[in-house]
Amino acid sequence: MESQGFNVGEYVDQMGLLLDLQIRDEYRDGVVANFERIRAIAQLVNSFSLPEEVEAAPVFEP
């Protein structure tokens, strides 16, 4: 999944508008930083390929 050109700050601003969520200026940088971390983790997870024979479980059982 290529995400070059994905602007996390713009994403946070747009989602705030969409959800009618006002993020105070003093918290915005922290919110953007957390979404940057989430993005990095998601890229790692999405880059891990699974064999074709693996099926998703309908119910998680630890």
C-alpha atoms as a PDB file:
ATOM      1  CA  MET A   1       0.000   0.000   0.000  1.00  0.00           C
ATOM      2  CA  GLU A   2       1.612   3.231  -1.119  1.00  0.00           C
ATOM      3  CA  SER A   3       0.905   6.249   1.020  1.00  0.00           C
ATOM      4  CA  GLN A   4       3.310   8.778  -0.454  1.00  0.00           C
ATOM      5  CA  GLY A   5       1.557  12.091  -0.472  1.00  0.00           C
ATOM      6  CA  PHE A   6      -0.600  11.207   2.540  1.00  0.00           C
ATOM      7  CA  ASN A   7      -0.615  14.238   4.810  1.00  0.00           C
ATOM      8  CA  VAL A   8      -1.462  13.248   8.380  1.00  0.00           C
ATOM      9  CA  GLY A   9      -2.100  16.817   9.490  1.00  0.00           C
ATOM     10  CA  GLU A  10      -4.569  17.352   6.672  1.00  0.00           C
ATOM     11  CA  TYR A  11      -6.207  13.999   7.496  1.00  0.00           C
ATOM     12  CA  VAL A  12      -6.678  15.033  11.136  1.00  0.00           C
ATOM     13  CA  ASP A  13      -8.153  18.371  10.060  1.00  0.00           C
ATOM     14  CA  GLN A  14     -10.550  16.764   7.557  1.00  0.00           C
ATOM     15  CA  MET A  15     -11.684  14.045   9.969  1.00  0.00           C
ATOM     16  CA  GLY A  16     -12.261  16.681  12.632  1.00  0.00           C
ATOM     17  CA  LEU A  17     -14.555  18.507  10.228  1.00  0.00           C
ATOM     18  CA  LEU A  18     -16.308  15.327   9.141  1.00  0.00           C
ATOM     19  CA  LEU A  19     -16.942  14.210  12.718  1.00  0.00           C
ATOM     20  CA  ASP A  20     -17.721  17.732  13.920  1.00  0.00           C
ATOM     21  CA  LEU A  21     -14.880  17.328  16.422  1.00  0.00           C
ATOM     22  CA  GLN A  22     -13.062  20.478  17.389  1.00  0.00           C
ATOM     23  CA  ILE A  23      -9.442  19.774  18.270  1.00  0.00           C
ATOM     24  CA  ARG A  24      -7.907  22.561  20.296  1.00  0.00           C
ATOM     25  CA  ASP A  25      -4.724  24.063  18.893  1.00  0.00           C
ATOM     26  CA  GLU A  26      -2.694  22.969  21.927  1.00  0.00           C
ATOM     27  CA  TYR A  27      -3.701  19.318  21.333  1.00  0.00           C
ATOM     28  CA  ARG A  28      -3.485  19.170  17.529  1.00  0.00           C
ATOM     29  CA  ASP A  29       0.274  18.471  17.374  1.00  0.00           C
ATOM     30  CA  GLY A  30      -0.144  15.549  19.791  1.00  0.00           C
ATOM     31  CA  VAL A  31      -3.059  14.147  17.801  1.00  0.00           C
ATOM     32  CA  VAL A  32      -1.060  14.386  14.568  1.00  0.00           C
ATOM     33  CA  ALA A  33       1.955  12.721  16.245  1.00  0.00           C
ATOM     34  CA  ASN A  34      -0.223   9.840  17.441  1.00  0.00           C
ATOM     35  CA  PHE A  35      -1.691   9.364  13.964  1.00  0.00           C
ATOM     36  CA  GLU A  36       1.861   9.304  12.561  1.00  0.00           C
ATOM     37  CA  ARG A  37       2.623   6.450  14.971  1.00  0.00           C
ATOM     38  CA  ILE A  38      -0.592   4.641  14.025  1.00  0.00           C
ATOM     39  CA  ARG A  39       0.309   5.041  10.346  1.00  0.00           C
ATOM     40  CA  ALA A  40       3.795   3.565  10.887  1.00  0.00           C
ATOM     41  CA  ILE A  41       2.360   0.573  12.747  1.00  0.00           C
ATOM     42  CA  ALA A  42      -0.317   0.027  10.090  1.00  0.00           C
ATOM     43  CA  GLN A  43       2.312   0.096   7.328  1.00  0.00           C
ATOM     44  CA  LEU A  44       4.297  -2.578   9.162  1.00  0.00           C
ATOM     45  CA  VAL A  45       1.228  -4.784   9.614  1.00  0.00           C
ATOM     46  CA  ASN A  46       0.056  -4.304   6.020  1.00  0.00           C
ATOM     47  CA  SER A  47       3.492  -5.114   4.607  1.00  0.00           C
ATOM     48  CA  PHE A  48       3.443  -8.592   6.175  1.00  0.00           C
ATOM     49  CA  SER A  49       2.237 -11.003   3.526  1.00  0.00           C
ATOM     50  CA  LEU A  50       0.110 -14.002   4.411  1.00  0.00           C
ATOM     51  CA  PRO A  51      -0.036 -17.303   2.507  1.00  0.00           C
ATOM     52  CA  GLU A  52      -3.094 -17.789   0.308  1.00  0.00           C
ATOM     53  CA  GLU A  53      -4.312 -20.752   2.388  1.00  0.00           C
ATOM     54  CA  VAL A  54      -4.691 -18.626   5.533  1.00  0.00           C
ATOM     55  CA  GLU A  55      -8.333 -17.782   6.260  1.00  0.00           C
ATOM     56  CA  ALA A  56      -9.660 -15.125   8.581  1.00  0.00           C
ATOM     57  CA  ALA A  57     -11.242 -16.502  11.723  1.00  0.00           C
ATOM     58  CA  PRO A  58     -14.857 -15.372  12.254  1.00  0.00           C
ATOM     59  CA  VAL A  59     -14.286 -15.309  16.027  1.00  0.00           C
ATOM     60  CA  PHE A  60     -11.106 -14.511  17.950  1.00  0.00           C
ATOM     61  CA  GLU A  61     -10.314 -17.159  20.574  1.00  0.00           C
ATOM     62  CA  PRO A  62      -7.080 -16.605  22.537  1.00  0.00           C
END
